[in-house]
Amino acid sequence: MRIGLLRKALLVSLVVVLVVSVAAGCGQKKSPGYATVMKQKKLIVGTEATFPPFESVDEQNKVIGFDIDLAAEVAKDLGVQLEVSEMKFDSLIPALQTGKIQMIAAAMSIKPERMDVVDFSNPYYDAGQSIVVTANNAVITKADDLKDKKIGVQTGTTGDTTVSEAYKNAKITRFDRFTDAFLDLQNGNLDAVVLDAPVAKAYVDASGGKLKIIGDPLSSEKYALAFNKGDKDLVDAANKTLERIKKDGTFEKLVQKWFK
């Protein structure tokens, strides 16, 4: 009789332990960024809107682009609203670290130095750095021709790093926004502008024949969404969205919308 009671007591104890364990698992604390998003029912994404077709400002002063539509898909899957915060490119990571934004969607390349301070989603786009000059420029025809020229880049971008490392004798001018760089190029204050290939094409296409791309891309890189270091739950959510939109055809529709 006592043995039966003992067995029953052990069985009850085991059930209690299992219930407590499951409850603890269900109530497991989420990463800070994710918790903030779900609490405020809003995903604040940071971007720099002079980078078409990934991000730009339309006639109604609204930030639009491939990355913005991508961010909207992440917000939709999370069941929250999307808010876009536009700022200088080199302010994006500090804004992430201070909690002003919870995600960066700004055609940001995966680089080792960035991986030290942010966590990236799976990559969603392959790109490289292109050289843009004025259409009548017959002096610069290949990458080697930049070695002693005046080159415009955007501060903190991969183009900035690439040019700084490859052309030690060049005069490099850094801009907060590419619109200013291209204005200086067309005014004759620069010999070339170096930036990501798809964006370079967008500026050239919009120039009415005043600009051209020369040579092959200077590098190969991958874009990803960025999150504060350790914000695993938001990274996982973004990766699930990327997987979903590539399976259901949404990703290809966005490519057709912004790049064709």
C-alpha atoms as a PDB file:
ATOM      1  CA  MET A   1       0.000   0.000   0.000  1.00  0.00           C
ATOM      2  CA  ARG A   2       2.753   2.381   0.918  1.00  0.00           C
ATOM      3  CA  ILE A   3       4.602   1.479  -2.296  1.00  0.00           C
ATOM      4  CA  GLY A   4       1.479   2.315  -4.321  1.00  0.00           C
ATOM      5  CA  LEU A   5       1.098   5.654  -2.591  1.00  0.00           C
ATOM      6  CA  LEU A   6       4.772   6.391  -3.172  1.00  0.00           C
ATOM      7  CA  ARG A   7       4.437   5.612  -6.877  1.00  0.00           C
ATOM      8  CA  LYS A   8       1.367   7.836  -7.101  1.00  0.00           C
ATOM      9  CA  ALA A   9       3.194  10.660  -5.341  1.00  0.00           C
ATOM     10  CA  LEU A  10       6.146  10.339  -7.714  1.00  0.00           C
ATOM     11  CA  LEU A  11       3.811  10.355 -10.706  1.00  0.00           C
ATOM     12  CA  VAL A  12       2.082  13.508  -9.491  1.00  0.00           C
ATOM     13  CA  SER A  13       5.450  15.175  -8.883  1.00  0.00           C
ATOM     14  CA  LEU A  14       6.589  14.274 -12.392  1.00  0.00           C
ATOM     15  CA  VAL A  15       3.447  15.747 -13.936  1.00  0.00           C
ATOM     16  CA  VAL A  16       3.922  18.963 -11.938  1.00  0.00           C
ATOM     17  CA  VAL A  17       7.536  19.252 -13.102  1.00  0.00           C
ATOM     18  CA  LEU A  18       6.504  18.752 -16.727  1.00  0.00           C
ATOM     19  CA  VAL A  19       3.719  21.337 -16.487  1.00  0.00           C
ATOM     20  CA  VAL A  20       6.044  23.882 -14.887  1.00  0.00           C
ATOM     21  CA  SER A  21       8.710  23.208 -17.522  1.00  0.00           C
ATOM     22  CA  VAL A  22       6.255  23.699 -20.383  1.00  0.00           C
ATOM     23  CA  ALA A  23       4.894  26.878 -18.809  1.00  0.00           C
ATOM     24  CA  ALA A  24       8.401  28.223 -18.355  1.00  0.00           C
ATOM     25  CA  GLY A  25       9.186  27.456 -21.990  1.00  0.00           C
ATOM     26  CA  CYS A  26       6.047  29.198 -23.201  1.00  0.00           C
ATOM     27  CA  GLY A  27       6.913  32.250 -21.142  1.00  0.00           C
ATOM     28  CA  GLN A  28      10.521  32.350 -22.258  1.00  0.00           C
ATOM     29  CA  LYS A  29      11.811  35.904 -22.469  1.00  0.00           C
ATOM     30  CA  LYS A  30      12.123  37.265 -25.999  1.00  0.00           C
ATOM     31  CA  SER A  31      15.056  39.341 -27.250  1.00  0.00           C
ATOM     32  CA  PRO A  32      14.762  43.107 -26.470  1.00  0.00           C
ATOM     33  CA  GLY A  33      14.050  44.379 -29.980  1.00  0.00           C
ATOM     34  CA  TYR A  34      11.382  41.771 -30.596  1.00  0.00           C
ATOM     35  CA  ALA A  35       9.759  42.489 -27.228  1.00  0.00           C
ATOM     36  CA  THR A  36       9.702  46.224 -28.024  1.00  0.00           C
ATOM     37  CA  VAL A  37       8.139  45.653 -31.434  1.00  0.00           C
ATOM     38  CA  MET A  38       5.402  43.457 -30.058  1.00  0.00           C
ATOM     39  CA  LYS A  39       4.711  45.776 -27.126  1.00  0.00           C
ATOM     40  CA  GLN A  40       4.357  48.919 -29.250  1.00  0.00           C
ATOM     41  CA  LYS A  41       2.746  46.995 -32.139  1.00  0.00           C
ATOM     42  CA  LYS A  42       5.147  48.762 -34.487  1.00  0.00           C
ATOM     43  CA  LEU A  43       8.392  47.897 -36.288  1.00  0.00           C
ATOM     44  CA  ILE A  44      10.593  50.969 -36.750  1.00  0.00           C
ATOM     45  CA  VAL A  45      12.969  50.450 -39.648  1.00  0.00           C
ATOM     46  CA  GLY A  46      15.878  52.755 -40.429  1.00  0.00           C
ATOM     47  CA  THR A  47      17.018  53.617 -43.942  1.00  0.00           C
ATOM     48  CA  GLU A  48      18.792  56.281 -46.021  1.00  0.00           C
ATOM     49  CA  ALA A  49      16.578  57.284 -48.915  1.00  0.00           C
ATOM     50  CA  THR A  50      18.940  58.295 -51.732  1.00  0.00           C
ATOM     51  CA  PHE A  51      19.593  54.753 -52.888  1.00  0.00           C
ATOM     52  CA  PRO A  52      17.073  53.872 -55.620  1.00  0.00           C
ATOM     53  CA  PRO A  53      15.592  51.425 -56.357  1.00  0.00           C
ATOM     54  CA  PHE A  54      16.162  50.120 -52.823  1.00  0.00           C
ATOM     55  CA  GLU A  55      15.056  53.311 -51.083  1.00  0.00           C
ATOM     56  CA  SER A  56      14.156  56.787 -52.298  1.00  0.00           C
ATOM     57  CA  VAL A  57      11.602  59.543 -51.728  1.00  0.00           C
ATOM     58  CA  ASP A  58       8.625  59.948 -54.053  1.00  0.00           C
ATOM     59  CA  GLU A  59       6.804  63.127 -55.093  1.00  0.00           C
ATOM     60  CA  GLN A  60       4.681  62.962 -51.943  1.00  0.00           C
ATOM     61  CA  ASN A  61       7.879  62.881 -49.817  1.00  0.00           C
ATOM     62  CA  LYS A  62       7.177  59.265 -48.881  1.00  0.00           C
ATOM     63  CA  VAL A  63      10.058  56.792 -48.560  1.00  0.00           C
ATOM     64  CA  ILE A  64       9.578  53.976 -51.058  1.00  0.00           C
ATOM     65  CA  GLY A  65      11.635  51.188 -52.618  1.00  0.00           C
ATOM     66  CA  PHE A  66      12.487  47.499 -52.683  1.00  0.00           C
ATOM     67  CA  ASP A  67      13.826  47.488 -49.115  1.00  0.00           C
ATOM     68  CA  ILE A  68      10.757  49.312 -47.815  1.00  0.00           C
ATOM     69  CA  ASP A  69       8.445  46.748 -49.389  1.00  0.00           C
ATOM     70  CA  LEU A  70      10.653  44.011 -47.927  1.00  0.00           C
ATOM     71  CA  ALA A  71      10.406  45.584 -44.460  1.00  0.00           C
ATOM     72  CA  ALA A  72       6.629  45.804 -44.878  1.00  0.00           C
ATOM     73  CA  GLU A  73       6.493  42.043 -45.422  1.00  0.00           C
ATOM     74  CA  VAL A  74       8.425  41.476 -42.172  1.00  0.00           C
ATOM     75  CA  ALA A  75       6.046  43.787 -40.292  1.00  0.00           C
ATOM     76  CA  LYS A  76       3.027  42.042 -41.813  1.00  0.00           C
ATOM     77  CA  ASP A  77       4.241  38.633 -40.682  1.00  0.00           C
ATOM     78  CA  LEU A  78       4.830  40.009 -37.180  1.00  0.00           C
ATOM     79  CA  GLY A  79       1.313  41.450 -37.159  1.00  0.00           C
ATOM     80  CA  VAL A  80       2.496  45.015 -36.501  1.00  0.00           C
ATOM     81  CA  GLN A  81       2.610  48.359 -38.303  1.00  0.00           C
ATOM     82  CA  LEU A  82       5.691  49.549 -40.178  1.00  0.00           C
ATOM     83  CA  GLU A  83       7.266  52.924 -39.440  1.00  0.00           C
ATOM     84  CA  VAL A  84      10.160  54.186 -41.593  1.00  0.00           C
ATOM     85  CA  SER A  85      12.815  56.431 -40.052  1.00  0.00           C
ATOM     86  CA  GLU A  86      15.031  58.143 -42.635  1.00  0.00           C
ATOM     87  CA  MET A  87      18.549  59.232 -41.636  1.00  0.00           C
ATOM     88  CA  LYS A  88      22.176  59.396 -42.753  1.00  0.00           C
ATOM     89  CA  PHE A  89      23.665  56.007 -43.594  1.00  0.00           C
ATOM     90  CA  ASP A  90      26.392  56.214 -40.965  1.00  0.00           C
ATOM     91  CA  SER A  91      23.743  56.988 -38.311  1.00  0.00           C
ATOM     92  CA  LEU A  92      21.843  53.736 -38.885  1.00  0.00           C
ATOM     93  CA  ILE A  93      23.875  51.382 -36.702  1.00  0.00           C
ATOM     94  CA  PRO A  94      24.081  53.857 -33.777  1.00  0.00           C
ATOM     95  CA  ALA A  95      20.286  54.309 -34.029  1.00  0.00           C
ATOM     96  CA  LEU A  96      19.897  50.530 -33.875  1.00  0.00           C
ATOM     97  CA  GLN A  97      22.172  50.249 -30.863  1.00  0.00           C
ATOM     98  CA  THR A  98      20.322  52.968 -28.938  1.00  0.00           C
ATOM     99  CA  GLY A  99      16.894  51.489 -29.656  1.00  0.00           C
ATOM    100  CA  LYS A 100      15.629  54.295 -31.897  1.00  0.00           C
ATOM    101  CA  ILE A 101      15.002  51.697 -34.597  1.00  0.00           C
ATOM    102  CA  GLN A 102      14.678  47.916 -34.455  1.00  0.00           C
ATOM    103  CA  MET A 103      15.790  47.014 -37.991  1.00  0.00           C
ATOM    104  CA  ILE A 104      17.917  48.426 -40.802  1.00  0.00           C
ATOM    105  CA  ALA A 105      16.671  48.011 -44.362  1.00  0.00           C
ATOM    106  CA  ALA A 106      19.142  50.028 -46.399  1.00  0.00           C
ATOM    107  CA  ALA A 107      20.918  47.781 -48.910  1.00  0.00           C
ATOM    108  CA  MET A 108      23.494  47.127 -46.194  1.00  0.00           C
ATOM    109  CA  SER A 109      26.300  44.768 -47.191  1.00  0.00           C
ATOM    110  CA  ILE A 110      27.370  41.934 -44.933  1.00  0.00           C
ATOM    111  CA  LYS A 111      30.904  42.822 -43.812  1.00  0.00           C
ATOM    112  CA  PRO A 112      33.048  41.352 -41.007  1.00  0.00           C
ATOM    113  CA  GLU A 113      33.419  44.722 -39.268  1.00  0.00           C
ATOM    114  CA  ARG A 114      29.657  45.185 -39.278  1.00  0.00           C
ATOM    115  CA  MET A 115      29.065  41.641 -38.034  1.00  0.00           C
ATOM    116  CA  ASP A 116      30.968  42.634 -34.890  1.00  0.00           C
ATOM    117  CA  VAL A 117      28.277  45.179 -33.983  1.00  0.00           C
ATOM    118  CA  VAL A 118      25.042  43.967 -35.628  1.00  0.00           C
ATOM    119  CA  ASP A 119      23.333  40.691 -36.486  1.00  0.00           C
ATOM    120  CA  PHE A 120      22.307  40.124 -40.107  1.00  0.00           C
ATOM    121  CA  SER A 121      19.427  38.246 -41.633  1.00  0.00           C
ATOM    122  CA  ASN A 122      20.061  35.794 -44.425  1.00  0.00           C
ATOM    123  CA  PRO A 123      21.226  37.681 -47.534  1.00  0.00           C
ATOM    124  CA  TYR A 124      18.558  38.752 -50.018  1.00  0.00           C
ATOM    125  CA  TYR A 125      20.517  40.444 -52.844  1.00  0.00           C
ATOM    126  CA  ASP A 126      23.906  40.092 -54.595  1.00  0.00           C
ATOM    127  CA  ALA A 127      25.611  43.335 -55.631  1.00  0.00           C
ATOM    128  CA  GLY A 128      28.975  44.966 -56.372  1.00  0.00           C
ATOM    129  CA  GLN A 129      30.558  48.430 -56.636  1.00  0.00           C
ATOM    130  CA  SER A 130      30.287  50.283 -59.976  1.00  0.00           C
ATOM    131  CA  ILE A 131      32.073  53.340 -61.339  1.00  0.00           C
ATOM    132  CA  VAL A 132      29.917  56.163 -62.715  1.00  0.00           C
ATOM    133  CA  VAL A 133      31.333  59.028 -64.803  1.00  0.00           C
ATOM    134  CA  THR A 134      29.852  61.705 -67.057  1.00  0.00           C
ATOM    135  CA  ALA A 135      28.841  60.468 -70.502  1.00  0.00           C
ATOM    136  CA  ASN A 136      31.485  62.591 -72.255  1.00  0.00           C
ATOM    137  CA  ASN A 137      34.359  61.341 -70.078  1.00  0.00           C
ATOM    138  CA  ALA A 138      36.935  59.624 -72.320  1.00  0.00           C
ATOM    139  CA  VAL A 139      39.757  59.587 -69.742  1.00  0.00           C
ATOM    140  CA  ILE A 140      38.316  57.090 -67.268  1.00  0.00           C
ATOM    141  CA  THR A 141      37.509  53.827 -69.044  1.00  0.00           C
ATOM    142  CA  LYS A 142      38.571  51.224 -66.458  1.00  0.00           C
ATOM    143  CA  ALA A 143      39.129  50.837 -62.718  1.00  0.00           C
ATOM    144  CA  ASP A 144      42.886  51.551 -62.869  1.00  0.00           C
ATOM    145  CA  ASP A 145      42.163  55.017 -64.243  1.00  0.00           C
ATOM    146  CA  LEU A 146      40.781  56.077 -60.838  1.00  0.00           C
ATOM    147  CA  LYS A 147      44.117  55.836 -58.997  1.00  0.00           C
ATOM    148  CA  ASP A 148      44.782  59.612 -58.920  1.00  0.00           C
ATOM    149  CA  LYS A 149      41.295  60.990 -59.605  1.00  0.00           C
ATOM    150  CA  LYS A 150      38.637  62.816 -57.575  1.00  0.00           C
ATOM    151  CA  ILE A 151      36.144  60.200 -56.420  1.00  0.00           C
ATOM    152  CA  GLY A 152      32.825  60.657 -54.625  1.00  0.00           C
ATOM    153  CA  VAL A 153      31.467  58.040 -52.189  1.00  0.00           C
ATOM    154  CA  GLN A 154      28.851  57.886 -49.462  1.00  0.00           C
ATOM    155  CA  THR A 155      30.208  57.960 -45.918  1.00  0.00           C
ATOM    156  CA  GLY A 156      30.320  54.563 -44.242  1.00  0.00           C
ATOM    157  CA  THR A 157      29.317  52.531 -47.297  1.00  0.00           C
ATOM    158  CA  THR A 158      31.151  49.628 -48.905  1.00  0.00           C
ATOM    159  CA  GLY A 159      32.038  51.987 -51.741  1.00  0.00           C
ATOM    160  CA  ASP A 160      33.809  54.207 -49.219  1.00  0.00           C
ATOM    161  CA  THR A 161      35.822  51.240 -47.901  1.00  0.00           C
ATOM    162  CA  THR A 162      36.588  49.851 -51.363  1.00  0.00           C
ATOM    163  CA  VAL A 163      37.831  53.158 -52.752  1.00  0.00           C
ATOM    164  CA  SER A 164      39.828  54.006 -49.615  1.00  0.00           C
ATOM    165  CA  GLU A 165      41.665  50.680 -49.761  1.00  0.00           C
ATOM    166  CA  ALA A 166      42.185  50.493 -53.532  1.00  0.00           C
ATOM    167  CA  TYR A 167      43.093  54.093 -54.407  1.00  0.00           C
ATOM    168  CA  LYS A 168      45.508  55.500 -51.851  1.00  0.00           C
ATOM    169  CA  ASN A 169      46.490  58.445 -54.085  1.00  0.00           C
ATOM    170  CA  ALA A 170      42.982  59.428 -55.091  1.00  0.00           C
ATOM    171  CA  LYS A 171      41.210  62.468 -53.673  1.00  0.00           C
ATOM    172  CA  ILE A 172      38.135  61.010 -51.975  1.00  0.00           C
ATOM    173  CA  THR A 173      35.135  63.170 -51.120  1.00  0.00           C
ATOM    174  CA  ARG A 174      32.574  61.664 -48.762  1.00  0.00           C
ATOM    175  CA  PHE A 175      28.908  62.616 -48.900  1.00  0.00           C
ATOM    176  CA  ASP A 176      25.964  61.967 -46.610  1.00  0.00           C
ATOM    177  CA  ARG A 177      23.721  61.484 -49.654  1.00  0.00           C
ATOM    178  CA  PHE A 178      24.399  60.289 -53.196  1.00  0.00           C
ATOM    179  CA  THR A 179      22.222  63.033 -54.667  1.00  0.00           C
ATOM    180  CA  ASP A 180      24.910  65.517 -53.594  1.00  0.00           C
ATOM    181  CA  ALA A 181      27.693  63.310 -54.996  1.00  0.00           C
ATOM    182  CA  PHE A 182      26.049  63.129 -58.419  1.00  0.00           C
ATOM    183  CA  LEU A 183      25.407  66.862 -58.409  1.00  0.00           C
ATOM    184  CA  ASP A 184      29.136  67.451 -57.856  1.00  0.00           C
ATOM    185  CA  LEU A 185      29.958  64.919 -60.581  1.00  0.00           C
ATOM    186  CA  GLN A 186      27.780  66.686 -63.153  1.00  0.00           C
ATOM    187  CA  ASN A 187      29.152  70.074 -62.076  1.00  0.00           C
ATOM    188  CA  GLY A 188      32.699  68.890 -62.765  1.00  0.00           C
ATOM    189  CA  ASN A 189      33.866  68.796 -59.145  1.00  0.00           C
ATOM    190  CA  LEU A 190      34.380  65.024 -59.250  1.00  0.00           C
ATOM    191  CA  ASP A 191      35.811  62.647 -61.841  1.00  0.00           C
ATOM    192  CA  ALA A 192      33.729  59.643 -60.747  1.00  0.00           C
ATOM    193  CA  VAL A 193      31.280  58.301 -58.179  1.00  0.00           C
ATOM    194  CA  VAL A 194      31.565  54.748 -56.839  1.00  0.00           C
ATOM    195  CA  LEU A 195      28.458  52.992 -55.504  1.00  0.00           C
ATOM    196  CA  ASP A 196      26.475  49.759 -55.579  1.00  0.00           C
ATOM    197  CA  ALA A 197      25.782  48.444 -59.084  1.00  0.00           C
ATOM    198  CA  PRO A 198      21.939  48.396 -59.091  1.00  0.00           C
ATOM    199  CA  VAL A 199      21.806  51.899 -57.626  1.00  0.00           C
ATOM    200  CA  ALA A 200      24.422  53.146 -60.094  1.00  0.00           C
ATOM    201  CA  LYS A 201      22.217  51.848 -62.908  1.00  0.00           C
ATOM    202  CA  ALA A 202      19.188  53.652 -61.469  1.00  0.00           C
ATOM    203  CA  TYR A 203      21.036  56.993 -61.371  1.00  0.00           C
ATOM    204  CA  VAL A 204      22.424  56.498 -64.884  1.00  0.00           C
ATOM    205  CA  ASP A 205      18.994  55.574 -66.264  1.00  0.00           C
ATOM    206  CA  ALA A 206      17.493  58.686 -64.660  1.00  0.00           C
ATOM    207  CA  SER A 207      20.229  61.035 -65.938  1.00  0.00           C
ATOM    208  CA  GLY A 208      18.886  61.381 -69.469  1.00  0.00           C
ATOM    209  CA  GLY A 209      22.147  60.267 -71.063  1.00  0.00           C
ATOM    210  CA  LYS A 210      24.386  62.503 -68.934  1.00  0.00           C
ATOM    211  CA  LEU A 211      26.028  59.641 -67.003  1.00  0.00           C
ATOM    212  CA  LYS A 212      27.469  56.202 -67.774  1.00  0.00           C
ATOM    213  CA  ILE A 213      28.896  53.161 -65.993  1.00  0.00           C
ATOM    214  CA  ILE A 214      32.404  52.058 -66.978  1.00  0.00           C
ATOM    215  CA  GLY A 215      34.297  48.810 -66.426  1.00  0.00           C
ATOM    216  CA  ASP A 216      33.312  45.805 -64.337  1.00  0.00           C
ATOM    217  CA  PRO A 217      32.079  45.967 -60.717  1.00  0.00           C
ATOM    218  CA  LEU A 218      34.917  46.518 -58.254  1.00  0.00           C
ATOM    219  CA  SER A 219      33.635  43.991 -55.727  1.00  0.00           C
ATOM    220  CA  SER A 220      31.020  41.363 -54.969  1.00  0.00           C
ATOM    221  CA  GLU A 221      28.833  41.617 -51.873  1.00  0.00           C
ATOM    222  CA  LYS A 222      25.524  40.577 -50.359  1.00  0.00           C
ATOM    223  CA  TYR A 223      22.786  42.723 -48.827  1.00  0.00           C
ATOM    224  CA  ALA A 224      20.924  41.750 -45.662  1.00  0.00           C
ATOM    225  CA  LEU A 225      18.609  43.242 -43.066  1.00  0.00           C
ATOM    226  CA  ALA A 226      20.434  44.286 -39.878  1.00  0.00           C
ATOM    227  CA  PHE A 227      19.431  44.035 -36.216  1.00  0.00           C
ATOM    228  CA  ASN A 228      20.895  44.913 -32.865  1.00  0.00           C
ATOM    229  CA  LYS A 229      23.466  42.404 -31.621  1.00  0.00           C
ATOM    230  CA  GLY A 230      21.768  39.477 -29.906  1.00  0.00           C
ATOM    231  CA  ASP A 231      18.262  40.266 -31.185  1.00  0.00           C
ATOM    232  CA  LYS A 232      17.784  36.651 -32.238  1.00  0.00           C
ATOM    233  CA  ASP A 233      13.981  36.628 -32.284  1.00  0.00           C
ATOM    234  CA  LEU A 234      13.777  39.502 -34.785  1.00  0.00           C
ATOM    235  CA  VAL A 235      16.480  37.909 -36.944  1.00  0.00           C
ATOM    236  CA  ASP A 236      14.540  34.641 -36.927  1.00  0.00           C
ATOM    237  CA  ALA A 237      11.315  36.470 -37.821  1.00  0.00           C
ATOM    238  CA  ALA A 238      12.992  38.252 -40.746  1.00  0.00           C
ATOM    239  CA  ASN A 239      14.500  35.002 -42.022  1.00  0.00           C
ATOM    240  CA  LYS A 240      11.089  33.344 -41.904  1.00  0.00           C
ATOM    241  CA  THR A 241       9.656  36.213 -43.956  1.00  0.00           C
ATOM    242  CA  LEU A 242      12.466  35.987 -46.516  1.00  0.00           C
ATOM    243  CA  GLU A 243      11.885  32.245 -46.810  1.00  0.00           C
ATOM    244  CA  ARG A 244       8.134  32.760 -47.178  1.00  0.00           C
ATOM    245  CA  ILE A 245       8.265  35.463 -49.858  1.00  0.00           C
ATOM    246  CA  LYS A 246      10.776  33.498 -51.927  1.00  0.00           C
ATOM    247  CA  LYS A 247       8.499  30.446 -51.822  1.00  0.00           C
ATOM    248  CA  ASP A 248       5.184  32.198 -52.520  1.00  0.00           C
ATOM    249  CA  GLY A 249       6.481  34.416 -55.356  1.00  0.00           C
ATOM    250  CA  THR A 250       6.301  37.748 -53.503  1.00  0.00           C
ATOM    251  CA  PHE A 251      10.067  38.277 -53.731  1.00  0.00           C
ATOM    252  CA  GLU A 252      10.077  37.891 -57.512  1.00  0.00           C
ATOM    253  CA  LYS A 253       7.144  40.304 -57.777  1.00  0.00           C
ATOM    254  CA  LEU A 254       9.167  42.895 -55.844  1.00  0.00           C
ATOM    255  CA  VAL A 255      12.148  42.320 -58.138  1.00  0.00           C
ATOM    256  CA  GLN A 256       9.918  42.864 -61.178  1.00  0.00           C
ATOM    257  CA  LYS A 257       8.410  45.965 -59.593  1.00  0.00           C
ATOM    258  CA  TRP A 258      11.672  47.722 -58.724  1.00  0.00           C
ATOM    259  CA  PHE A 259      14.343  46.394 -61.085  1.00  0.00           C
ATOM    260  CA  LYS A 260      12.650  45.772 -64.424  1.00  0.00           C
END
